[in-house]
């Protein structure tokens, strides 16, 4: 297991561009490879439409829970959850403010935006 001081930012409901199904497939594979390889970021922060990935019906709830169980901090922007009407549908991670996301970024040695 390798835990780095890397923070991953997710600002879309998936990864890349294209049909939603493809974006969901890509983010699911990305998260699964992190788990399989035992390479864990310090945090994964979700904002914008990315917050949909931590909510009921998301195809990546289980890998996110598994990463969280390995000590990865999962933060969803509470402002974004509220804007999308998803505050009560969050199923993984914590609802944090922009200050929490900024704090995670400042502590990071590297920030990756998907």
PDB file of N, CA and C in Angstrom:
ATOM      1  N   UNK A   1       0.845  -1.181   0.000  1.00  0.00           N
ATOM      2  CA  UNK A   1       0.000   0.000   0.000  1.00  0.00           C
ATOM      3  C   UNK A   1       0.889   1.243   0.000  1.00  0.00           C
ATOM      4  N   UNK A   2       0.570   2.162  -0.887  1.00  0.00           N
ATOM      5  CA  UNK A   2       1.286   3.419  -0.966  1.00  0.00           C
ATOM      6  C   UNK A   2       0.291   4.551  -0.819  1.00  0.00           C
ATOM      7  N   UNK A   3       0.486   5.378   0.185  1.00  0.00           N
ATOM      8  CA  UNK A   3      -0.350   6.560   0.338  1.00  0.00           C
ATOM      9  C   UNK A   3       0.525   7.758   0.028  1.00  0.00           C
ATOM     10  N   UNK A   4       0.051   8.574  -0.885  1.00  0.00           N
ATOM     11  CA  UNK A   4       0.820   9.754  -1.270  1.00  0.00           C
ATOM     12  C   UNK A   4       0.121  11.003  -0.759  1.00  0.00           C
ATOM     13  N   UNK A   5       0.766  12.115  -0.938  1.00  0.00           N
ATOM     14  CA  UNK A   5       0.154  13.393  -0.603  1.00  0.00           C
ATOM     15  C   UNK A   5      -0.466  14.012  -1.851  1.00  0.00           C
ATOM     16  N   UNK A   6      -0.984  13.151  -2.707  1.00  0.00           N
ATOM     17  CA  UNK A   6      -1.666  13.581  -3.926  1.00  0.00           C
ATOM     18  C   UNK A   6      -3.146  13.774  -3.646  1.00  0.00           C
ATOM     19  N   UNK A   7      -3.708  14.811  -4.233  1.00  0.00           N
ATOM     20  CA  UNK A   7      -5.145  15.052  -4.152  1.00  0.00           C
ATOM     21  C   UNK A   7      -5.704  14.969  -5.566  1.00  0.00           C
ATOM     22  N   UNK A   8      -6.803  14.266  -5.709  1.00  0.00           N
ATOM     23  CA  UNK A   8      -7.485  14.141  -6.994  1.00  0.00           C
ATOM     24  C   UNK A   8      -8.745  14.990  -6.944  1.00  0.00           C
ATOM     25  N   UNK A   9      -8.920  15.829  -7.945  1.00  0.00           N
ATOM     26  CA  UNK A   9     -10.117  16.662  -8.077  1.00  0.00           C
ATOM     27  C   UNK A   9     -10.994  16.095  -9.179  1.00  0.00           C
ATOM     28  N   UNK A  10     -12.272  15.941  -8.876  1.00  0.00           N
ATOM     29  CA  UNK A  10     -13.238  15.437  -9.852  1.00  0.00           C
ATOM     30  C   UNK A  10     -14.328  16.484  -9.996  1.00  0.00           C
ATOM     31  N   UNK A  11     -14.396  17.098 -11.175  1.00  0.00           N
ATOM     32  CA  UNK A  11     -15.371  18.168 -11.367  1.00  0.00           C
ATOM     33  C   UNK A  11     -16.401  17.875 -12.447  1.00  0.00           C
ATOM     34  N   UNK A  12     -16.473  16.605 -12.861  1.00  0.00           N
ATOM     35  CA  UNK A  12     -17.481  16.162 -13.834  1.00  0.00           C
ATOM     36  C   UNK A  12     -18.127  14.882 -13.328  1.00  0.00           C
ATOM     37  N   UNK A  13     -19.293  14.599 -13.831  1.00  0.00           N
ATOM     38  CA  UNK A  13     -20.001  13.362 -13.500  1.00  0.00           C
ATOM     39  C   UNK A  13     -19.406  12.232 -14.332  1.00  0.00           C
ATOM     40  N   UNK A  14     -18.148  11.946 -14.094  1.00  0.00           N
ATOM     41  CA  UNK A  14     -17.427  10.925 -14.841  1.00  0.00           C
ATOM     42  C   UNK A  14     -16.030  11.409 -15.152  1.00  0.00           C
ATOM     43  N   UNK A  15     -15.407  10.766 -16.128  1.00  0.00           N
ATOM     44  CA  UNK A  15     -14.031  11.101 -16.490  1.00  0.00           C
ATOM     45  C   UNK A  15     -13.955  11.282 -17.995  1.00  0.00           C
ATOM     46  N   UNK A  16     -13.322  12.354 -18.415  1.00  0.00           N
ATOM     47  CA  UNK A  16     -13.183  12.616 -19.834  1.00  0.00           C
ATOM     48  C   UNK A  16     -14.433  13.241 -20.415  1.00  0.00           C
ATOM     49  N   UNK A  17     -14.529  13.163 -21.720  1.00  0.00           N
ATOM     50  CA  UNK A  17     -15.676  13.718 -22.434  1.00  0.00           C
ATOM     51  C   UNK A  17     -16.276  12.620 -23.293  1.00  0.00           C
ATOM     52  N   UNK A  18     -17.538  12.745 -23.573  1.00  0.00           N
ATOM     53  CA  UNK A  18     -18.221  11.741 -24.374  1.00  0.00           C
ATOM     54  C   UNK A  18     -19.500  11.327 -23.686  1.00  0.00           C
ATOM     55  N   UNK A  19     -20.077  10.228 -24.141  1.00  0.00           N
ATOM     56  CA  UNK A  19     -21.330   9.761 -23.537  1.00  0.00           C
ATOM     57  C   UNK A  19     -21.149   9.469 -22.044  1.00  0.00           C
ATOM     58  N   UNK A  20     -22.186   9.725 -21.269  1.00  0.00           N
ATOM     59  CA  UNK A  20     -22.138   9.521 -19.819  1.00  0.00           C
ATOM     60  C   UNK A  20     -21.686   8.110 -19.464  1.00  0.00           C
ATOM     61  N   UNK A  21     -22.167   7.126 -20.191  1.00  0.00           N
ATOM     62  CA  UNK A  21     -21.788   5.737 -19.899  1.00  0.00           C
ATOM     63  C   UNK A  21     -20.275   5.547 -20.015  1.00  0.00           C
ATOM     64  N   UNK A  22     -19.665   6.134 -21.031  1.00  0.00           N
ATOM     65  CA  UNK A  22     -18.217   6.040 -21.197  1.00  0.00           C
ATOM     66  C   UNK A  22     -17.500   6.767 -20.063  1.00  0.00           C
ATOM     67  N   UNK A  23     -17.960   7.948 -19.705  1.00  0.00           N
ATOM     68  CA  UNK A  23     -17.349   8.695 -18.613  1.00  0.00           C
ATOM     69  C   UNK A  23     -17.416   7.915 -17.306  1.00  0.00           C
ATOM     70  N   UNK A  24     -18.545   7.255 -17.055  1.00  0.00           N
ATOM     71  CA  UNK A  24     -18.698   6.442 -15.843  1.00  0.00           C
ATOM     72  C   UNK A  24     -17.791   5.220 -15.890  1.00  0.00           C
ATOM     73  N   UNK A  25     -17.662   4.603 -17.056  1.00  0.00           N
ATOM     74  CA  UNK A  25     -16.779   3.447 -17.206  1.00  0.00           C
ATOM     75  C   UNK A  25     -15.335   3.836 -16.918  1.00  0.00           C
ATOM     76  N   UNK A  26     -14.918   4.988 -17.448  1.00  0.00           N
ATOM     77  CA  UNK A  26     -13.542   5.436 -17.256  1.00  0.00           C
ATOM     78  C   UNK A  26     -13.238   5.745 -15.787  1.00  0.00           C
ATOM     79  N   UNK A  27     -14.126   6.451 -15.110  1.00  0.00           N
ATOM     80  CA  UNK A  27     -13.868   6.781 -13.701  1.00  0.00           C
ATOM     81  C   UNK A  27     -13.886   5.515 -12.844  1.00  0.00           C
ATOM     82  N   UNK A  28     -14.767   4.571 -13.172  1.00  0.00           N
ATOM     83  CA  UNK A  28     -14.813   3.309 -12.429  1.00  0.00           C
ATOM     84  C   UNK A  28     -13.508   2.544 -12.600  1.00  0.00           C
ATOM     85  N   UNK A  29     -12.985   2.490 -13.818  1.00  0.00           N
ATOM     86  CA  UNK A  29     -11.712   1.789 -14.056  1.00  0.00           C
ATOM     87  C   UNK A  29     -10.566   2.490 -13.333  1.00  0.00           C
ATOM     88  N   UNK A  30     -10.546   3.801 -13.377  1.00  0.00           N
ATOM     89  CA  UNK A  30      -9.500   4.578 -12.728  1.00  0.00           C
ATOM     90  C   UNK A  30      -9.470   4.273 -11.226  1.00  0.00           C
ATOM     91  N   UNK A  31     -10.628   4.355 -10.588  1.00  0.00           N
ATOM     92  CA  UNK A  31     -10.703   4.104  -9.144  1.00  0.00           C
ATOM     93  C   UNK A  31     -10.345   2.667  -8.805  1.00  0.00           C
ATOM     94  N   UNK A  32     -10.785   1.721  -9.640  1.00  0.00           N
ATOM     95  CA  UNK A  32     -10.487   0.315  -9.390  1.00  0.00           C
ATOM     96  C   UNK A  32      -8.994   0.038  -9.506  1.00  0.00           C
ATOM     97  N   UNK A  33      -8.336   0.682 -10.467  1.00  0.00           N
ATOM     98  CA  UNK A  33      -6.891   0.491 -10.609  1.00  0.00           C
ATOM     99  C   UNK A  33      -6.152   1.066  -9.402  1.00  0.00           C
ATOM    100  N   UNK A  34      -6.596   2.207  -8.900  1.00  0.00           N
ATOM    101  CA  UNK A  34      -5.994   2.732  -7.668  1.00  0.00           C
ATOM    102  C   UNK A  34      -6.087   1.693  -6.555  1.00  0.00           C
ATOM    103  N   UNK A  35      -7.273   1.094  -6.404  1.00  0.00           N
ATOM    104  CA  UNK A  35      -7.471   0.073  -5.368  1.00  0.00           C
ATOM    105  C   UNK A  35      -6.594  -1.148  -5.617  1.00  0.00           C
ATOM    106  N   UNK A  36      -6.611  -1.655  -6.842  1.00  0.00           N
ATOM    107  CA  UNK A  36      -5.866  -2.873  -7.161  1.00  0.00           C
ATOM    108  C   UNK A  36      -4.363  -2.691  -6.978  1.00  0.00           C
ATOM    109  N   UNK A  37      -3.866  -1.505  -7.330  1.00  0.00           N
ATOM    110  CA  UNK A  37      -2.434  -1.241  -7.228  1.00  0.00           C
ATOM    111  C   UNK A  37      -2.005  -0.800  -5.829  1.00  0.00           C
ATOM    112  N   UNK A  38      -2.999  -0.503  -4.973  1.00  0.00           N
ATOM    113  CA  UNK A  38      -2.677  -0.059  -3.624  1.00  0.00           C
ATOM    114  C   UNK A  38      -2.016   1.307  -3.582  1.00  0.00           C
ATOM    115  N   UNK A  39      -2.318   2.135  -4.565  1.00  0.00           N
ATOM    116  CA  UNK A  39      -1.779   3.497  -4.619  1.00  0.00           C
ATOM    117  C   UNK A  39      -2.901   4.460  -4.257  1.00  0.00           C
ATOM    118  N   UNK A  40      -2.848   4.954  -3.036  1.00  0.00           N
ATOM    119  CA  UNK A  40      -3.958   5.741  -2.521  1.00  0.00           C
ATOM    120  C   UNK A  40      -3.601   7.218  -2.407  1.00  0.00           C
ATOM    121  N   UNK A  41      -4.431   8.075  -2.970  1.00  0.00           N
ATOM    122  CA  UNK A  41      -4.216   9.508  -2.778  1.00  0.00           C
ATOM    123  C   UNK A  41      -4.594   9.886  -1.349  1.00  0.00           C
ATOM    124  N   UNK A  42      -4.172  11.063  -0.925  1.00  0.00           N
ATOM    125  CA  UNK A  42      -4.562  11.552   0.396  1.00  0.00           C
ATOM    126  C   UNK A  42      -6.044  11.887   0.410  1.00  0.00           C
ATOM    127  N   UNK A  43      -6.532  12.438  -0.711  1.00  0.00           N
ATOM    128  CA  UNK A  43      -7.937  12.848  -0.777  1.00  0.00           C
ATOM    129  C   UNK A  43      -8.430  12.832  -2.212  1.00  0.00           C
ATOM    130  N   UNK A  44      -9.735  12.654  -2.345  1.00  0.00           N
ATOM    131  CA  UNK A  44     -10.425  12.848  -3.616  1.00  0.00           C
ATOM    132  C   UNK A  44     -11.536  13.848  -3.330  1.00  0.00           C
ATOM    133  N   UNK A  45     -11.511  14.959  -4.053  1.00  0.00           N
ATOM    134  CA  UNK A  45     -12.465  16.044  -3.833  1.00  0.00           C
ATOM    135  C   UNK A  45     -13.406  16.145  -5.035  1.00  0.00           C
ATOM    136  N   UNK A  46     -14.683  16.198  -4.747  1.00  0.00           N
ATOM    137  CA  UNK A  46     -15.712  16.272  -5.786  1.00  0.00           C
ATOM    138  C   UNK A  46     -16.399  17.629  -5.714  1.00  0.00           C
ATOM    139  N   UNK A  47     -16.520  18.283  -6.857  1.00  0.00           N
ATOM    140  CA  UNK A  47     -17.249  19.547  -6.926  1.00  0.00           C
ATOM    141  C   UNK A  47     -17.874  19.669  -8.311  1.00  0.00           C
ATOM    142  N   UNK A  48     -18.695  20.693  -8.515  1.00  0.00           N
ATOM    143  CA  UNK A  48     -19.453  20.791  -9.764  1.00  0.00           C
ATOM    144  C   UNK A  48     -20.314  19.550  -9.913  1.00  0.00           C
ATOM    145  N   UNK A  49     -20.505  19.116 -11.148  1.00  0.00           N
ATOM    146  CA  UNK A  49     -21.328  17.918 -11.366  1.00  0.00           C
ATOM    147  C   UNK A  49     -20.637  16.653 -10.875  1.00  0.00           C
ATOM    148  N   UNK A  50     -19.366  16.755 -10.493  1.00  0.00           N
ATOM    149  CA  UNK A  50     -18.658  15.609  -9.931  1.00  0.00           C
ATOM    150  C   UNK A  50     -19.294  15.078  -8.656  1.00  0.00           C
ATOM    151  N   UNK A  51     -20.025  15.936  -7.936  1.00  0.00           N
ATOM    152  CA  UNK A  51     -20.664  15.473  -6.696  1.00  0.00           C
ATOM    153  C   UNK A  51     -21.685  14.368  -6.954  1.00  0.00           C
ATOM    154  N   UNK A  52     -22.170  14.266  -8.171  1.00  0.00           N
ATOM    155  CA  UNK A  52     -23.132  13.201  -8.492  1.00  0.00           C
ATOM    156  C   UNK A  52     -22.526  11.819  -8.289  1.00  0.00           C
ATOM    157  N   UNK A  53     -21.204  11.730  -8.354  1.00  0.00           N
ATOM    158  CA  UNK A  53     -20.527  10.439  -8.214  1.00  0.00           C
ATOM    159  C   UNK A  53     -20.509   9.908  -6.790  1.00  0.00           C
ATOM    160  N   UNK A  54     -20.785  10.754  -5.804  1.00  0.00           N
ATOM    161  CA  UNK A  54     -20.810  10.293  -4.412  1.00  0.00           C
ATOM    162  C   UNK A  54     -22.243  10.058  -3.932  1.00  0.00           C
ATOM    163  N   UNK A  55     -23.182  10.155  -4.845  1.00  0.00           N
ATOM    164  CA  UNK A  55     -24.599  10.096  -4.469  1.00  0.00           C
ATOM    165  C   UNK A  55     -25.276   8.814  -4.950  1.00  0.00           C
ATOM    166  N   UNK A  56     -26.403   8.559  -4.338  1.00  0.00           N
ATOM    167  CA  UNK A  56     -27.254   7.423  -4.676  1.00  0.00           C
ATOM    168  C   UNK A  56     -27.340   7.259  -6.192  1.00  0.00           C
ATOM    169  N   UNK A  57     -27.157   6.034  -6.667  1.00  0.00           N
ATOM    170  CA  UNK A  57     -27.239   5.733  -8.088  1.00  0.00           C
ATOM    171  C   UNK A  57     -25.916   5.835  -8.826  1.00  0.00           C
ATOM    172  N   UNK A  58     -24.880   6.310  -8.158  1.00  0.00           N
ATOM    173  CA  UNK A  58     -23.567   6.428  -8.789  1.00  0.00           C
ATOM    174  C   UNK A  58     -22.964   5.044  -9.020  1.00  0.00           C
ATOM    175  N   UNK A  59     -22.301   4.849 -10.156  1.00  0.00           N
ATOM    176  CA  UNK A  59     -21.660   3.555 -10.413  1.00  0.00           C
ATOM    177  C   UNK A  59     -20.344   3.363  -9.661  1.00  0.00           C
ATOM    178  N   UNK A  60     -19.899   4.367  -8.904  1.00  0.00           N
ATOM    179  CA  UNK A  60     -18.604   4.241  -8.232  1.00  0.00           C
ATOM    180  C   UNK A  60     -18.687   4.358  -6.704  1.00  0.00           C
ATOM    181  N   UNK A  61     -19.861   4.154  -6.156  1.00  0.00           N
ATOM    182  CA  UNK A  61     -20.010   4.214  -4.691  1.00  0.00           C
ATOM    183  C   UNK A  61     -19.113   3.178  -4.010  1.00  0.00           C
ATOM    184  N   UNK A  62     -19.117   1.949  -4.474  1.00  0.00           N
ATOM    185  CA  UNK A  62     -18.348   0.887  -3.800  1.00  0.00           C
ATOM    186  C   UNK A  62     -16.847   1.119  -3.875  1.00  0.00           C
ATOM    187  N   UNK A  63     -16.282   1.449  -5.042  1.00  0.00           N
ATOM    188  CA  UNK A  63     -14.838   1.717  -5.022  1.00  0.00           C
ATOM    189  C   UNK A  63     -14.480   2.933  -4.167  1.00  0.00           C
ATOM    190  N   UNK A  64     -15.344   3.929  -4.134  1.00  0.00           N
ATOM    191  CA  UNK A  64     -15.080   5.084  -3.275  1.00  0.00           C
ATOM    192  C   UNK A  64     -15.134   4.690  -1.805  1.00  0.00           C
ATOM    193  N   UNK A  65     -16.073   3.839  -1.436  1.00  0.00           N
ATOM    194  CA  UNK A  65     -16.133   3.355  -0.047  1.00  0.00           C
ATOM    195  C   UNK A  65     -14.881   2.560   0.299  1.00  0.00           C
ATOM    196  N   UNK A  66     -14.419   1.753  -0.649  1.00  0.00           N
ATOM    197  CA  UNK A  66     -13.216   0.951  -0.411  1.00  0.00           C
ATOM    198  C   UNK A  66     -11.990   1.854  -0.258  1.00  0.00           C
ATOM    199  N   UNK A  67     -11.892   2.904  -1.058  1.00  0.00           N
ATOM    200  CA  UNK A  67     -10.791   3.854  -0.918  1.00  0.00           C
ATOM    201  C   UNK A  67     -10.880   4.580   0.421  1.00  0.00           C
ATOM    202  N   UNK A  68     -12.077   4.960   0.797  1.00  0.00           N
ATOM    203  CA  UNK A  68     -12.289   5.631   2.083  1.00  0.00           C
ATOM    204  C   UNK A  68     -11.851   4.707   3.232  1.00  0.00           C
ATOM    205  N   UNK A  69     -12.157   3.417   3.107  1.00  0.00           N
ATOM    206  CA  UNK A  69     -11.771   2.448   4.130  1.00  0.00           C
ATOM    207  C   UNK A  69     -10.250   2.316   4.229  1.00  0.00           C
ATOM    208  N   UNK A  70      -9.534   2.669   3.171  1.00  0.00           N
ATOM    209  CA  UNK A  70      -8.071   2.640   3.166  1.00  0.00           C
ATOM    210  C   UNK A  70      -7.471   3.956   3.659  1.00  0.00           C
ATOM    211  N   UNK A  71      -8.334   4.870   4.099  1.00  0.00           N
ATOM    212  CA  UNK A  71      -7.848   6.115   4.656  1.00  0.00           C
ATOM    213  C   UNK A  71      -7.874   7.307   3.718  1.00  0.00           C
ATOM    214  N   UNK A  72      -8.416   7.119   2.520  1.00  0.00           N
ATOM    215  CA  UNK A  72      -8.518   8.237   1.578  1.00  0.00           C
ATOM    216  C   UNK A  72      -9.666   9.142   2.016  1.00  0.00           C
ATOM    217  N   UNK A  73      -9.391  10.419   2.140  1.00  0.00           N
ATOM    218  CA  UNK A  73     -10.413  11.389   2.492  1.00  0.00           C
ATOM    219  C   UNK A  73     -11.244  11.692   1.247  1.00  0.00           C
ATOM    220  N   UNK A  74     -12.543  11.482   1.329  1.00  0.00           N
ATOM    221  CA  UNK A  74     -13.458  11.758   0.220  1.00  0.00           C
ATOM    222  C   UNK A  74     -14.312  12.954   0.627  1.00  0.00           C
ATOM    223  N   UNK A  75     -14.171  14.042  -0.125  1.00  0.00           N
ATOM    224  CA  UNK A  75     -14.884  15.287   0.193  1.00  0.00           C
ATOM    225  C   UNK A  75     -15.786  15.669  -0.969  1.00  0.00           C
ATOM    226  N   UNK A  76     -17.037  15.942  -0.664  1.00  0.00           N
ATOM    227  CA  UNK A  76     -17.985  16.441  -1.668  1.00  0.00           C
ATOM    228  C   UNK A  76     -18.360  17.868  -1.291  1.00  0.00           C
ATOM    229  N   UNK A  77     -18.308  18.758  -2.245  1.00  0.00           N
ATOM    230  CA  UNK A  77     -18.641  20.163  -2.016  1.00  0.00           C
ATOM    231  C   UNK A  77     -20.111  20.289  -1.601  1.00  0.00           C
ATOM    232  N   UNK A  78     -20.340  20.791  -0.401  1.00  0.00           N
ATOM    233  CA  UNK A  78     -21.718  20.915   0.095  1.00  0.00           C
ATOM    234  C   UNK A  78     -22.521  21.940  -0.715  1.00  0.00           C
ATOM    235  N   UNK A  79     -21.878  22.998  -1.172  1.00  0.00           N
ATOM    236  CA  UNK A  79     -22.565  23.988  -2.005  1.00  0.00           C
ATOM    237  C   UNK A  79     -23.075  23.330  -3.285  1.00  0.00           C
ATOM    238  N   UNK A  80     -22.247  22.484  -3.877  1.00  0.00           N
ATOM    239  CA  UNK A  80     -22.621  21.787  -5.117  1.00  0.00           C
ATOM    240  C   UNK A  80     -23.718  20.754  -4.861  1.00  0.00           C
ATOM    241  N   UNK A  81     -23.583  19.998  -3.766  1.00  0.00           N
ATOM    242  CA  UNK A  81     -24.642  19.044  -3.417  1.00  0.00           C
ATOM    243  C   UNK A  81     -25.976  19.754  -3.290  1.00  0.00           C
ATOM    244  N   UNK A  82     -25.986  20.892  -2.621  1.00  0.00           N
ATOM    245  CA  UNK A  82     -27.224  21.659  -2.460  1.00  0.00           C
ATOM    246  C   UNK A  82     -27.730  22.197  -3.790  1.00  0.00           C
ATOM    247  N   UNK A  83     -26.828  22.687  -4.635  1.00  0.00           N
ATOM    248  CA  UNK A  83     -27.223  23.248  -5.931  1.00  0.00           C
ATOM    249  C   UNK A  83     -27.886  22.205  -6.823  1.00  0.00           C
ATOM    250  N   UNK A  84     -27.416  20.960  -6.732  1.00  0.00           N
ATOM    251  CA  UNK A  84     -27.994  19.871  -7.527  1.00  0.00           C
ATOM    252  C   UNK A  84     -29.139  19.162  -6.795  1.00  0.00           C
ATOM    253  N   UNK A  85     -29.492  19.610  -5.602  1.00  0.00           N
ATOM    254  CA  UNK A  85     -30.559  18.972  -4.842  1.00  0.00           C
ATOM    255  C   UNK A  85     -30.193  17.578  -4.370  1.00  0.00           C
ATOM    256  N   UNK A  86     -28.904  17.365  -4.073  1.00  0.00           N
ATOM    257  CA  UNK A  86     -28.419  16.027  -3.729  1.00  0.00           C
ATOM    258  C   UNK A  86     -27.928  15.885  -2.291  1.00  0.00           C
ATOM    259  N   UNK A  87     -28.132  16.896  -1.476  1.00  0.00           N
ATOM    260  CA  UNK A  87     -27.593  16.866  -0.117  1.00  0.00           C
ATOM    261  C   UNK A  87     -28.025  15.618   0.656  1.00  0.00           C
ATOM    262  N   UNK A  88     -29.237  15.160   0.457  1.00  0.00           N
ATOM    263  CA  UNK A  88     -29.723  13.985   1.184  1.00  0.00           C
ATOM    264  C   UNK A  88     -29.478  12.677   0.435  1.00  0.00           C
ATOM    265  N   UNK A  89     -28.803  12.741  -0.694  1.00  0.00           N
ATOM    266  CA  UNK A  89     -28.543  11.540  -1.493  1.00  0.00           C
ATOM    267  C   UNK A  89     -27.069  11.113  -1.450  1.00  0.00           C
ATOM    268  N   UNK A  90     -26.242  11.834  -0.707  1.00  0.00           N
ATOM    269  CA  UNK A  90     -24.824  11.484  -0.581  1.00  0.00           C
ATOM    270  C   UNK A  90     -24.706  10.135   0.118  1.00  0.00           C
ATOM    271  N   UNK A  91     -23.904   9.233  -0.456  1.00  0.00           N
ATOM    272  CA  UNK A  91     -23.767   7.886   0.090  1.00  0.00           C
ATOM    273  C   UNK A  91     -22.337   7.531   0.501  1.00  0.00           C
ATOM    274  N   UNK A  92     -21.397   8.418   0.192  1.00  0.00           N
ATOM    275  CA  UNK A  92     -20.005   8.168   0.561  1.00  0.00           C
ATOM    276  C   UNK A  92     -19.325   9.518   0.778  1.00  0.00           C
ATOM    277  N   UNK A  93     -18.319   9.522   1.627  1.00  0.00           N
ATOM    278  CA  UNK A  93     -17.560  10.730   1.867  1.00  0.00           C
ATOM    279  C   UNK A  93     -18.265  11.696   2.797  1.00  0.00           C
ATOM    280  N   UNK A  94     -17.647  12.853   2.942  1.00  0.00           N
ATOM    281  CA  UNK A  94     -18.238  13.862   3.801  1.00  0.00           C
ATOM    282  C   UNK A  94     -18.577  15.086   2.969  1.00  0.00           C
ATOM    283  N   UNK A  95     -19.609  15.784   3.397  1.00  0.00           N
ATOM    284  CA  UNK A  95     -19.985  17.041   2.748  1.00  0.00           C
ATOM    285  C   UNK A  95     -19.134  18.126   3.381  1.00  0.00           C
ATOM    286  N   UNK A  96     -18.285  18.714   2.597  1.00  0.00           N
ATOM    287  CA  UNK A  96     -17.394  19.734   3.105  1.00  0.00           C
ATOM    288  C   UNK A  96     -17.555  21.032   2.348  1.00  0.00           C
ATOM    289  N   UNK A  97     -16.974  22.039   2.895  1.00  0.00           N
ATOM    290  CA  UNK A  97     -17.007  23.332   2.234  1.00  0.00           C
ATOM    291  C   UNK A  97     -15.814  23.507   1.317  1.00  0.00           C
ATOM    292  N   UNK A  98     -15.810  24.606   0.595  1.00  0.00           N
ATOM    293  CA  UNK A  98     -14.684  24.897  -0.280  1.00  0.00           C
ATOM    294  C   UNK A  98     -13.400  25.036   0.537  1.00  0.00           C
ATOM    295  N   UNK A  99     -13.518  25.470   1.768  1.00  0.00           N
ATOM    296  CA  UNK A  99     -12.338  25.553   2.638  1.00  0.00           C
ATOM    297  C   UNK A  99     -11.679  24.198   2.848  1.00  0.00           C
ATOM    298  N   UNK A 100     -12.494  23.140   2.953  1.00  0.00           N
ATOM    299  CA  UNK A 100     -11.954  21.783   3.120  1.00  0.00           C
ATOM    300  C   UNK A 100     -11.200  21.342   1.865  1.00  0.00           C
ATOM    301  N   UNK A 101     -11.743  21.694   0.708  1.00  0.00           N
ATOM    302  CA  UNK A 101     -11.099  21.332  -0.558  1.00  0.00           C
ATOM    303  C   UNK A 101      -9.791  22.107  -0.710  1.00  0.00           C
ATOM    304  N   UNK A 102      -9.813  23.388  -0.387  1.00  0.00           N
ATOM    305  CA  UNK A 102      -8.594  24.197  -0.463  1.00  0.00           C
ATOM    306  C   UNK A 102      -7.541  23.667   0.507  1.00  0.00           C
ATOM    307  N   UNK A 103      -7.944  23.307   1.707  1.00  0.00           N
ATOM    308  CA  UNK A 103      -7.002  22.760   2.691  1.00  0.00           C
ATOM    309  C   UNK A 103      -6.351  21.489   2.164  1.00  0.00           C
ATOM    310  N   UNK A 104      -7.137  20.606   1.564  1.00  0.00           N
ATOM    311  CA  UNK A 104      -6.581  19.373   0.991  1.00  0.00           C
ATOM    312  C   UNK A 104      -5.582  19.698  -0.114  1.00  0.00           C
ATOM    313  N   UNK A 105      -5.895  20.689  -0.938  1.00  0.00           N
ATOM    314  CA  UNK A 105      -4.981  21.073  -2.020  1.00  0.00           C
ATOM    315  C   UNK A 105      -3.674  21.637  -1.465  1.00  0.00           C
ATOM    316  N   UNK A 106      -3.736  22.479  -0.449  1.00  0.00           N
ATOM    317  CA  UNK A 106      -2.535  23.082   0.112  1.00  0.00           C
ATOM    318  C   UNK A 106      -1.638  22.057   0.773  1.00  0.00           C
ATOM    319  N   UNK A 107      -2.227  21.013   1.329  1.00  0.00           N
ATOM    320  CA  UNK A 107      -1.428  19.969   1.977  1.00  0.00           C
ATOM    321  C   UNK A 107      -0.801  19.016   0.961  1.00  0.00           C
ATOM    322  N   UNK A 108      -1.305  19.044  -0.266  1.00  0.00           N
ATOM    323  CA  UNK A 108      -0.868  18.097  -1.292  1.00  0.00           C
ATOM    324  C   UNK A 108       0.488  18.460  -1.880  1.00  0.00           C
ATOM    325  N   UNK A 109       1.233  17.425  -2.237  1.00  0.00           N
ATOM    326  CA  UNK A 109       2.451  17.613  -3.020  1.00  0.00           C
ATOM    327  C   UNK A 109       2.102  17.723  -4.504  1.00  0.00           C
ATOM    328  N   UNK A 110       0.967  17.111  -4.862  1.00  0.00           N
ATOM    329  CA  UNK A 110       0.547  17.098  -6.254  1.00  0.00           C
ATOM    330  C   UNK A 110      -0.968  17.076  -6.296  1.00  0.00           C
ATOM    331  N   UNK A 111      -1.551  17.823  -7.243  1.00  0.00           N
ATOM    332  CA  UNK A 111      -3.006  17.846  -7.438  1.00  0.00           C
ATOM    333  C   UNK A 111      -3.285  17.406  -8.871  1.00  0.00           C
ATOM    334  N   UNK A 112      -4.154  16.405  -9.010  1.00  0.00           N
ATOM    335  CA  UNK A 112      -4.549  15.889 -10.315  1.00  0.00           C
ATOM    336  C   UNK A 112      -6.013  16.190 -10.523  1.00  0.00           C
ATOM    337  N   UNK A 113      -6.349  16.811 -11.641  1.00  0.00           N
ATOM    338  CA  UNK A 113      -7.752  17.065 -11.978  1.00  0.00           C
ATOM    339  C   UNK A 113      -8.165  16.096 -13.075  1.00  0.00           C
ATOM    340  N   UNK A 114      -9.237  15.349 -12.804  1.00  0.00           N
ATOM    341  CA  UNK A 114      -9.740  14.398 -13.811  1.00  0.00           C
ATOM    342  C   UNK A 114     -10.822  15.065 -14.647  1.00  0.00           C
TER     343      UNK A 114
END
